[in-house]
Amino acid sequence: MRRAAILVALLAAGCGSTAGAHTSSSVRASAVSYSSCMRSNGVASWPDPNGNGLFDKAKITPQELHVGEPEIHSAQKTCQRLLPKGYGVPSSAQVASYRHEMLIYARCIRTHGVPNMPDPDARGHLDIGPGTTVDVNSPAFGTAYRACKSDLHP
């Protein structure tokens, strides 16, 4: 099954902890290089990280980036090497928190007109996008996303 780009991006681009492994400035420098690489590899709207080297989850969705899952996934594969080892690998507490956040988001999406939006799996992943029952490019999903994106905390 293919996962939505929002989830691939969240886990690959800063949902996890880097504490103890690298200094904050080196993590941020790596994340800035990653951003530049993502933009150079087809995701022109990829944002820069915050001061801690993390990305705002609300800004790294297919809707905000104006590209599809294949383009994001391809760029991520190319650019992942620029991030420090362990970057984006969440602890079990972070996974539980992320899953809880994505559950709230999924419920919001259903409330706003996408009744077939699934709950996240045990890791917090939503099975949406191409080849699933949820068309993330539909007007209904776009409307629901705009109403619910504030549930995706940076």
N, C-alpha and C. Protein backbone atom coordinates (compact mmCIF):
# COMPACT_ATOMS: atom_id res chain seq x y z
N MET A 1 0.84 -1.18 0.00
CA MET A 1 0.00 0.00 0.00
C MET A 1 0.88 1.24 0.00
N ARG A 2 0.42 2.24 -0.73
CA ARG A 2 1.15 3.51 -0.75
C ARG A 2 0.57 4.41 0.32
N ARG A 3 1.41 5.11 0.97
CA ARG A 3 0.98 6.04 2.01
C ARG A 3 0.96 7.44 1.42
N ALA A 4 0.17 8.29 1.99
CA ALA A 4 0.11 9.67 1.52
C ALA A 4 1.43 10.36 1.76
N ALA A 5 1.73 11.27 0.88
CA ALA A 5 3.00 12.00 0.98
C ALA A 5 3.11 12.75 2.28
N ILE A 6 1.98 13.22 2.81
CA ILE A 6 2.04 13.94 4.07
C ILE A 6 2.74 13.12 5.14
N LEU A 7 2.51 11.82 5.18
CA LEU A 7 3.09 10.99 6.21
C LEU A 7 4.53 10.66 5.92
N VAL A 8 4.83 10.39 4.67
CA VAL A 8 6.22 10.13 4.30
C VAL A 8 7.04 11.35 4.67
N ALA A 9 6.52 12.51 4.34
CA ALA A 9 7.26 13.74 4.61
C ALA A 9 7.41 13.99 6.10
N LEU A 10 6.36 13.75 6.85
CA LEU A 10 6.45 14.01 8.28
C LEU A 10 7.50 13.16 8.97
N LEU A 11 7.54 11.89 8.66
CA LEU A 11 8.52 11.02 9.30
C LEU A 11 9.93 11.24 8.77
N ALA A 12 10.05 11.50 7.50
CA ALA A 12 11.38 11.68 6.92
C ALA A 12 11.95 13.04 7.20
N ALA A 13 11.12 13.99 7.54
CA ALA A 13 11.60 15.36 7.61
C ALA A 13 11.38 16.03 8.95
N GLY A 14 11.56 15.32 10.04
CA GLY A 14 11.65 16.02 11.30
C GLY A 14 10.62 15.74 12.34
N CYS A 15 9.89 14.69 12.26
CA CYS A 15 8.94 14.35 13.29
C CYS A 15 9.65 13.74 14.49
N GLY A 16 10.82 13.17 14.27
CA GLY A 16 11.54 12.48 15.33
C GLY A 16 12.54 13.34 16.04
N SER A 17 13.20 12.75 16.98
CA SER A 17 14.16 13.46 17.82
C SER A 17 15.58 13.23 17.34
N THR A 18 16.38 14.27 17.48
CA THR A 18 17.80 14.15 17.18
C THR A 18 18.61 14.46 18.44
N ALA A 19 17.95 14.58 19.55
CA ALA A 19 18.61 14.96 20.79
C ALA A 19 19.74 14.01 21.12
N GLY A 20 20.85 14.59 21.50
CA GLY A 20 21.99 13.80 21.91
C GLY A 20 22.86 13.33 20.77
N ALA A 21 22.36 13.32 19.58
CA ALA A 21 23.12 12.79 18.46
C ALA A 21 23.92 13.88 17.76
N HIS A 22 23.38 15.08 17.70
CA HIS A 22 23.99 16.15 16.95
C HIS A 22 23.69 17.47 17.64
N THR A 23 24.51 18.49 17.41
CA THR A 23 24.20 19.80 17.94
C THR A 23 23.06 20.39 17.14
N SER A 24 22.33 21.30 17.75
CA SER A 24 21.20 21.92 17.09
C SER A 24 21.62 22.64 15.81
N SER A 25 22.77 23.31 15.84
CA SER A 25 23.21 24.04 14.65
C SER A 25 23.57 23.09 13.51
N SER A 26 24.16 21.95 13.81
CA SER A 26 24.49 21.01 12.73
C SER A 26 23.23 20.34 12.18
N VAL A 27 22.25 20.09 13.04
CA VAL A 27 20.97 19.53 12.58
C VAL A 27 20.27 20.55 11.68
N ARG A 28 20.26 21.81 12.09
CA ARG A 28 19.62 22.84 11.28
C ARG A 28 20.34 22.99 9.94
N ALA A 29 21.66 23.00 9.96
CA ALA A 29 22.42 23.12 8.70
C ALA A 29 22.10 21.95 7.76
N SER A 30 22.01 20.76 8.31
CA SER A 30 21.66 19.60 7.49
C SER A 30 20.25 19.74 6.92
N ALA A 31 19.32 20.21 7.76
CA ALA A 31 17.94 20.37 7.32
C ALA A 31 17.82 21.46 6.25
N VAL A 32 18.63 22.51 6.35
CA VAL A 32 18.64 23.55 5.32
C VAL A 32 19.15 22.97 4.00
N SER A 33 20.20 22.15 4.07
CA SER A 33 20.70 21.48 2.87
C SER A 33 19.64 20.57 2.27
N TYR A 34 18.92 19.87 3.14
CA TYR A 34 17.83 18.99 2.70
C TYR A 34 16.77 19.81 1.96
N SER A 35 16.39 20.96 2.53
CA SER A 35 15.40 21.83 1.90
C SER A 35 15.84 22.24 0.50
N SER A 36 17.07 22.65 0.40
CA SER A 36 17.62 23.07 -0.90
C SER A 36 17.58 21.92 -1.89
N CYS A 37 17.94 20.74 -1.45
CA CYS A 37 17.92 19.54 -2.29
C CYS A 37 16.49 19.23 -2.74
N MET A 38 15.53 19.30 -1.82
CA MET A 38 14.14 19.02 -2.17
C MET A 38 13.66 20.00 -3.25
N ARG A 39 14.01 21.27 -3.09
CA ARG A 39 13.60 22.27 -4.08
C ARG A 39 14.27 22.00 -5.43
N SER A 40 15.52 21.57 -5.40
CA SER A 40 16.26 21.29 -6.65
C SER A 40 15.79 20.01 -7.33
N ASN A 41 15.06 19.17 -6.59
CA ASN A 41 14.62 17.89 -7.13
C ASN A 41 13.11 17.81 -7.32
N GLY A 42 12.50 18.93 -7.66
CA GLY A 42 11.11 18.91 -8.08
C GLY A 42 10.06 19.35 -7.08
N VAL A 43 10.47 19.74 -5.86
CA VAL A 43 9.50 20.19 -4.87
C VAL A 43 9.84 21.65 -4.55
N ALA A 44 9.54 22.52 -5.49
CA ALA A 44 9.96 23.93 -5.44
C ALA A 44 9.47 24.68 -4.21
N SER A 45 8.36 24.27 -3.63
CA SER A 45 7.79 24.97 -2.48
C SER A 45 8.24 24.41 -1.13
N TRP A 46 9.19 23.47 -1.13
CA TRP A 46 9.62 22.88 0.15
C TRP A 46 10.15 24.01 1.05
N PRO A 47 9.67 24.11 2.30
CA PRO A 47 10.08 25.21 3.18
C PRO A 47 11.43 24.96 3.85
N ASP A 48 12.01 26.03 4.36
CA ASP A 48 13.19 25.89 5.20
C ASP A 48 12.76 25.43 6.59
N PRO A 49 13.67 24.81 7.34
CA PRO A 49 13.33 24.35 8.69
C PRO A 49 13.30 25.52 9.67
N ASN A 50 12.77 25.25 10.86
CA ASN A 50 12.82 26.25 11.92
C ASN A 50 14.21 26.27 12.54
N GLY A 51 14.39 27.02 13.58
CA GLY A 51 15.69 27.16 14.23
C GLY A 51 16.24 25.87 14.81
N ASN A 52 15.37 24.89 15.07
CA ASN A 52 15.81 23.60 15.60
C ASN A 52 16.05 22.57 14.50
N GLY A 53 15.87 22.98 13.25
CA GLY A 53 16.08 22.05 12.15
C GLY A 53 14.88 21.18 11.85
N LEU A 54 13.70 21.56 12.31
CA LEU A 54 12.48 20.79 12.08
C LEU A 54 11.58 21.53 11.11
N PHE A 55 10.72 20.78 10.43
CA PHE A 55 9.82 21.36 9.44
C PHE A 55 8.41 21.46 10.00
N ASP A 56 7.70 22.51 9.63
CA ASP A 56 6.32 22.71 10.02
C ASP A 56 5.46 21.71 9.24
N LYS A 57 4.85 20.77 9.95
CA LYS A 57 4.07 19.71 9.31
C LYS A 57 2.96 20.24 8.42
N ALA A 58 2.36 21.36 8.78
CA ALA A 58 1.27 21.91 7.98
C ALA A 58 1.76 22.42 6.63
N LYS A 59 3.05 22.68 6.51
CA LYS A 59 3.59 23.23 5.26
C LYS A 59 4.18 22.16 4.34
N ILE A 60 4.21 20.90 4.78
CA ILE A 60 4.83 19.87 3.95
C ILE A 60 3.83 18.81 3.51
N THR A 61 2.65 19.28 3.15
CA THR A 61 1.61 18.41 2.61
C THR A 61 1.58 18.58 1.10
N PRO A 62 1.06 17.62 0.36
CA PRO A 62 0.97 17.77 -1.10
C PRO A 62 0.20 19.03 -1.51
N GLN A 63 -0.84 19.37 -0.73
CA GLN A 63 -1.63 20.54 -1.06
C GLN A 63 -0.79 21.82 -0.91
N GLU A 64 -0.02 21.92 0.14
CA GLU A 64 0.81 23.11 0.36
C GLU A 64 2.01 23.15 -0.58
N LEU A 65 2.53 21.99 -0.92
CA LEU A 65 3.72 21.92 -1.77
C LEU A 65 3.38 21.98 -3.26
N HIS A 66 2.11 21.79 -3.59
CA HIS A 66 1.63 21.85 -4.98
C HIS A 66 2.30 20.82 -5.89
N VAL A 67 2.57 19.65 -5.34
CA VAL A 67 3.09 18.52 -6.11
C VAL A 67 2.45 17.25 -5.58
N GLY A 68 2.58 16.18 -6.33
CA GLY A 68 1.99 14.91 -5.94
C GLY A 68 2.94 14.05 -5.12
N GLU A 69 2.40 12.95 -4.63
CA GLU A 69 3.16 11.99 -3.83
C GLU A 69 4.39 11.47 -4.56
N PRO A 70 4.29 11.10 -5.84
CA PRO A 70 5.48 10.56 -6.51
C PRO A 70 6.65 11.55 -6.53
N GLU A 71 6.35 12.82 -6.77
CA GLU A 71 7.42 13.82 -6.81
C GLU A 71 8.07 14.01 -5.44
N ILE A 72 7.25 14.05 -4.41
CA ILE A 72 7.78 14.22 -3.06
C ILE A 72 8.63 13.01 -2.67
N HIS A 73 8.10 11.82 -2.91
CA HIS A 73 8.81 10.59 -2.55
C HIS A 73 10.15 10.50 -3.28
N SER A 74 10.16 10.82 -4.56
CA SER A 74 11.39 10.77 -5.34
C SER A 74 12.43 11.74 -4.80
N ALA A 75 11.99 12.96 -4.51
CA ALA A 75 12.93 13.96 -3.96
C ALA A 75 13.44 13.53 -2.60
N GLN A 76 12.57 12.96 -1.78
CA GLN A 76 12.99 12.51 -0.45
C GLN A 76 14.05 11.42 -0.55
N LYS A 77 13.85 10.48 -1.47
CA LYS A 77 14.85 9.42 -1.64
C LYS A 77 16.20 10.00 -2.02
N THR A 78 16.19 10.99 -2.90
CA THR A 78 17.43 11.63 -3.34
C THR A 78 18.09 12.42 -2.21
N CYS A 79 17.30 13.09 -1.41
CA CYS A 79 17.82 14.06 -0.43
C CYS A 79 18.03 13.49 0.98
N GLN A 80 17.47 12.35 1.29
CA GLN A 80 17.55 11.79 2.65
C GLN A 80 18.99 11.71 3.16
N ARG A 81 19.93 11.48 2.26
CA ARG A 81 21.34 11.35 2.64
C ARG A 81 21.89 12.61 3.31
N LEU A 82 21.23 13.73 3.13
CA LEU A 82 21.71 15.00 3.68
C LEU A 82 21.35 15.18 5.15
N LEU A 83 20.42 14.37 5.64
CA LEU A 83 20.01 14.49 7.03
C LEU A 83 20.89 13.63 7.94
N PRO A 84 21.11 14.07 9.18
CA PRO A 84 21.93 13.29 10.10
C PRO A 84 21.33 11.91 10.36
N LYS A 85 22.18 10.94 10.65
CA LYS A 85 21.70 9.59 10.97
C LYS A 85 20.76 9.68 12.17
N GLY A 86 19.64 9.04 12.06
CA GLY A 86 18.66 9.05 13.14
C GLY A 86 17.66 10.18 13.05
N TYR A 87 17.87 11.14 12.15
CA TYR A 87 16.94 12.25 12.00
C TYR A 87 15.61 11.70 11.51
N GLY A 88 14.55 12.07 12.18
CA GLY A 88 13.23 11.62 11.76
C GLY A 88 12.83 10.26 12.30
N VAL A 89 13.67 9.65 13.15
CA VAL A 89 13.32 8.36 13.74
C VAL A 89 12.68 8.64 15.10
N PRO A 90 11.37 8.52 15.18
CA PRO A 90 10.68 8.90 16.41
C PRO A 90 10.75 7.85 17.51
N SER A 91 10.68 8.34 18.74
CA SER A 91 10.59 7.44 19.90
C SER A 91 9.17 6.89 19.95
N SER A 92 8.92 5.88 20.79
CA SER A 92 7.56 5.34 20.89
C SER A 92 6.59 6.37 21.43
N ALA A 93 7.04 7.23 22.33
CA ALA A 93 6.16 8.30 22.84
C ALA A 93 5.81 9.28 21.72
N GLN A 94 6.78 9.58 20.87
CA GLN A 94 6.52 10.48 19.75
C GLN A 94 5.55 9.83 18.75
N VAL A 95 5.70 8.54 18.52
CA VAL A 95 4.79 7.84 17.62
C VAL A 95 3.37 7.89 18.17
N ALA A 96 3.22 7.65 19.48
CA ALA A 96 1.89 7.68 20.10
C ALA A 96 1.28 9.08 19.99
N SER A 97 2.08 10.09 20.24
CA SER A 97 1.61 11.47 20.14
C SER A 97 1.22 11.81 18.70
N TYR A 98 2.05 11.39 17.77
CA TYR A 98 1.79 11.63 16.35
C TYR A 98 0.51 10.92 15.91
N ARG A 99 0.35 9.66 16.35
CA ARG A 99 -0.86 8.91 15.98
C ARG A 99 -2.09 9.61 16.53
N HIS A 100 -2.01 10.10 17.76
CA HIS A 100 -3.13 10.82 18.37
C HIS A 100 -3.47 12.07 17.55
N GLU A 101 -2.45 12.81 17.16
CA GLU A 101 -2.65 14.01 16.35
C GLU A 101 -3.29 13.67 15.01
N MET A 102 -2.82 12.60 14.37
CA MET A 102 -3.35 12.21 13.08
C MET A 102 -4.78 11.66 13.20
N LEU A 103 -5.11 11.08 14.35
CA LEU A 103 -6.48 10.62 14.60
C LEU A 103 -7.42 11.82 14.67
N ILE A 104 -7.01 12.87 15.36
CA ILE A 104 -7.80 14.10 15.43
C ILE A 104 -7.97 14.69 14.03
N TYR A 105 -6.89 14.70 13.27
CA TYR A 105 -6.92 15.22 11.90
C TYR A 105 -7.88 14.40 11.03
N ALA A 106 -7.81 13.08 11.10
CA ALA A 106 -8.68 12.21 10.30
C ALA A 106 -10.15 12.43 10.66
N ARG A 107 -10.44 12.56 11.94
CA ARG A 107 -11.82 12.81 12.36
C ARG A 107 -12.31 14.14 11.82
N CYS A 108 -11.46 15.16 11.85
CA CYS A 108 -11.80 16.47 11.33
C CYS A 108 -12.10 16.39 9.83
N ILE A 109 -11.25 15.69 9.09
CA ILE A 109 -11.44 15.54 7.65
C ILE A 109 -12.80 14.88 7.37
N ARG A 110 -13.14 13.84 8.14
CA ARG A 110 -14.44 13.17 7.95
C ARG A 110 -15.58 14.15 8.24
N THR A 111 -15.46 14.92 9.30
CA THR A 111 -16.49 15.88 9.69
C THR A 111 -16.71 16.94 8.61
N HIS A 112 -15.66 17.22 7.85
CA HIS A 112 -15.73 18.28 6.84
C HIS A 112 -15.92 17.75 5.42
N GLY A 113 -16.55 16.59 5.27
CA GLY A 113 -17.00 16.18 3.95
C GLY A 113 -16.25 15.05 3.26
N VAL A 114 -15.34 14.37 3.97
CA VAL A 114 -14.66 13.22 3.37
C VAL A 114 -14.93 12.01 4.28
N PRO A 115 -16.14 11.42 4.15
CA PRO A 115 -16.56 10.37 5.08
C PRO A 115 -15.71 9.10 5.04
N ASN A 116 -15.00 8.86 3.94
CA ASN A 116 -14.19 7.63 3.83
C ASN A 116 -12.74 7.84 4.29
N MET A 117 -12.44 8.94 4.95
CA MET A 117 -11.10 9.17 5.48
C MET A 117 -10.82 8.13 6.57
N PRO A 118 -9.76 7.33 6.43
CA PRO A 118 -9.48 6.29 7.43
C PRO A 118 -8.80 6.86 8.67
N ASP A 119 -8.87 6.10 9.74
CA ASP A 119 -8.07 6.41 10.93
C ASP A 119 -6.62 6.03 10.63
N PRO A 120 -5.68 6.63 11.34
CA PRO A 120 -4.28 6.25 11.14
C PRO A 120 -4.00 4.85 11.65
N ASP A 121 -2.95 4.23 11.10
CA ASP A 121 -2.53 2.92 11.60
C ASP A 121 -1.76 3.10 12.90
N ALA A 122 -1.18 2.05 13.42
CA ALA A 122 -0.48 2.08 14.71
C ALA A 122 0.69 3.06 14.73
N ARG A 123 1.26 3.34 13.56
CA ARG A 123 2.38 4.28 13.49
C ARG A 123 1.93 5.70 13.19
N GLY A 124 0.62 5.89 13.00
CA GLY A 124 0.09 7.21 12.70
C GLY A 124 -0.05 7.48 11.22
N HIS A 125 0.22 6.49 10.39
CA HIS A 125 0.13 6.68 8.93
C HIS A 125 -1.32 6.59 8.47
N LEU A 126 -1.65 7.47 7.54
CA LEU A 126 -2.97 7.46 6.91
C LEU A 126 -2.83 6.86 5.52
N ASP A 127 -3.65 5.90 5.21
CA ASP A 127 -3.60 5.27 3.90
C ASP A 127 -4.51 6.06 2.96
N ILE A 128 -3.95 7.15 2.40
CA ILE A 128 -4.70 8.00 1.49
C ILE A 128 -3.82 8.32 0.28
N GLY A 129 -4.44 8.82 -0.75
CA GLY A 129 -3.70 9.19 -1.94
C GLY A 129 -3.98 8.22 -3.08
N PRO A 130 -3.14 8.24 -4.11
CA PRO A 130 -3.36 7.40 -5.29
C PRO A 130 -3.54 5.92 -4.91
N GLY A 131 -4.53 5.30 -5.53
CA GLY A 131 -4.77 3.88 -5.30
C GLY A 131 -5.58 3.58 -4.05
N THR A 132 -6.06 4.61 -3.36
CA THR A 132 -6.88 4.39 -2.17
C THR A 132 -8.26 4.98 -2.40
N THR A 133 -9.12 4.91 -1.40
CA THR A 133 -10.47 5.44 -1.54
C THR A 133 -10.55 6.94 -1.27
N VAL A 134 -9.44 7.58 -0.88
CA VAL A 134 -9.44 9.01 -0.61
C VAL A 134 -8.63 9.73 -1.68
N ASP A 135 -9.30 10.58 -2.44
CA ASP A 135 -8.64 11.35 -3.50
C ASP A 135 -8.19 12.68 -2.90
N VAL A 136 -6.90 12.80 -2.59
CA VAL A 136 -6.38 14.02 -1.97
C VAL A 136 -6.40 15.20 -2.93
N ASN A 137 -6.66 14.97 -4.21
CA ASN A 137 -6.74 16.05 -5.19
C ASN A 137 -8.17 16.50 -5.46
N SER A 138 -9.14 15.90 -4.79
CA SER A 138 -10.54 16.27 -5.01
C SER A 138 -10.85 17.60 -4.33
N PRO A 139 -11.84 18.33 -4.86
CA PRO A 139 -12.26 19.57 -4.21
C PRO A 139 -12.73 19.35 -2.77
N ALA A 140 -13.43 18.23 -2.53
CA ALA A 140 -13.92 17.95 -1.18
C ALA A 140 -12.76 17.79 -0.20
N PHE A 141 -11.71 17.08 -0.62
CA PHE A 141 -10.56 16.91 0.27
C PHE A 141 -9.87 18.26 0.48
N GLY A 142 -9.74 19.04 -0.57
CA GLY A 142 -9.11 20.36 -0.45
C GLY A 142 -9.82 21.24 0.56
N THR A 143 -11.15 21.24 0.50
CA THR A 143 -11.95 22.03 1.44
C THR A 143 -11.75 21.52 2.87
N ALA A 144 -11.82 20.20 3.03
CA ALA A 144 -11.63 19.60 4.37
C ALA A 144 -10.22 19.87 4.89
N TYR A 145 -9.24 19.75 4.01
CA TYR A 145 -7.85 20.00 4.42
C TYR A 145 -7.70 21.43 4.94
N ARG A 146 -8.24 22.40 4.21
CA ARG A 146 -8.11 23.80 4.65
C ARG A 146 -8.77 24.00 6.01
N ALA A 147 -9.88 23.30 6.25
CA ALA A 147 -10.58 23.42 7.53
C ALA A 147 -9.82 22.74 8.67
N CYS A 148 -9.04 21.72 8.34
CA CYS A 148 -8.43 20.88 9.37
C CYS A 148 -6.92 21.04 9.53
N LYS A 149 -6.27 21.76 8.63
CA LYS A 149 -4.80 21.79 8.66
C LYS A 149 -4.25 22.37 9.97
N SER A 150 -5.04 23.14 10.68
CA SER A 150 -4.56 23.67 11.96
C SER A 150 -4.41 22.56 13.00
N ASP A 151 -5.00 21.39 12.75
CA ASP A 151 -4.83 20.24 13.64
C ASP A 151 -3.45 19.61 13.50
N LEU A 152 -2.73 19.97 12.45
CA LEU A 152 -1.37 19.47 12.23
C LEU A 152 -0.40 20.47 12.85
N HIS A 153 0.00 20.20 14.05
CA HIS A 153 0.86 21.13 14.79
C HIS A 153 2.31 21.03 14.33
N PRO A 154 2.98 22.21 14.26
CA PRO A 154 4.40 22.18 13.86
C PRO A 154 5.26 21.46 14.86
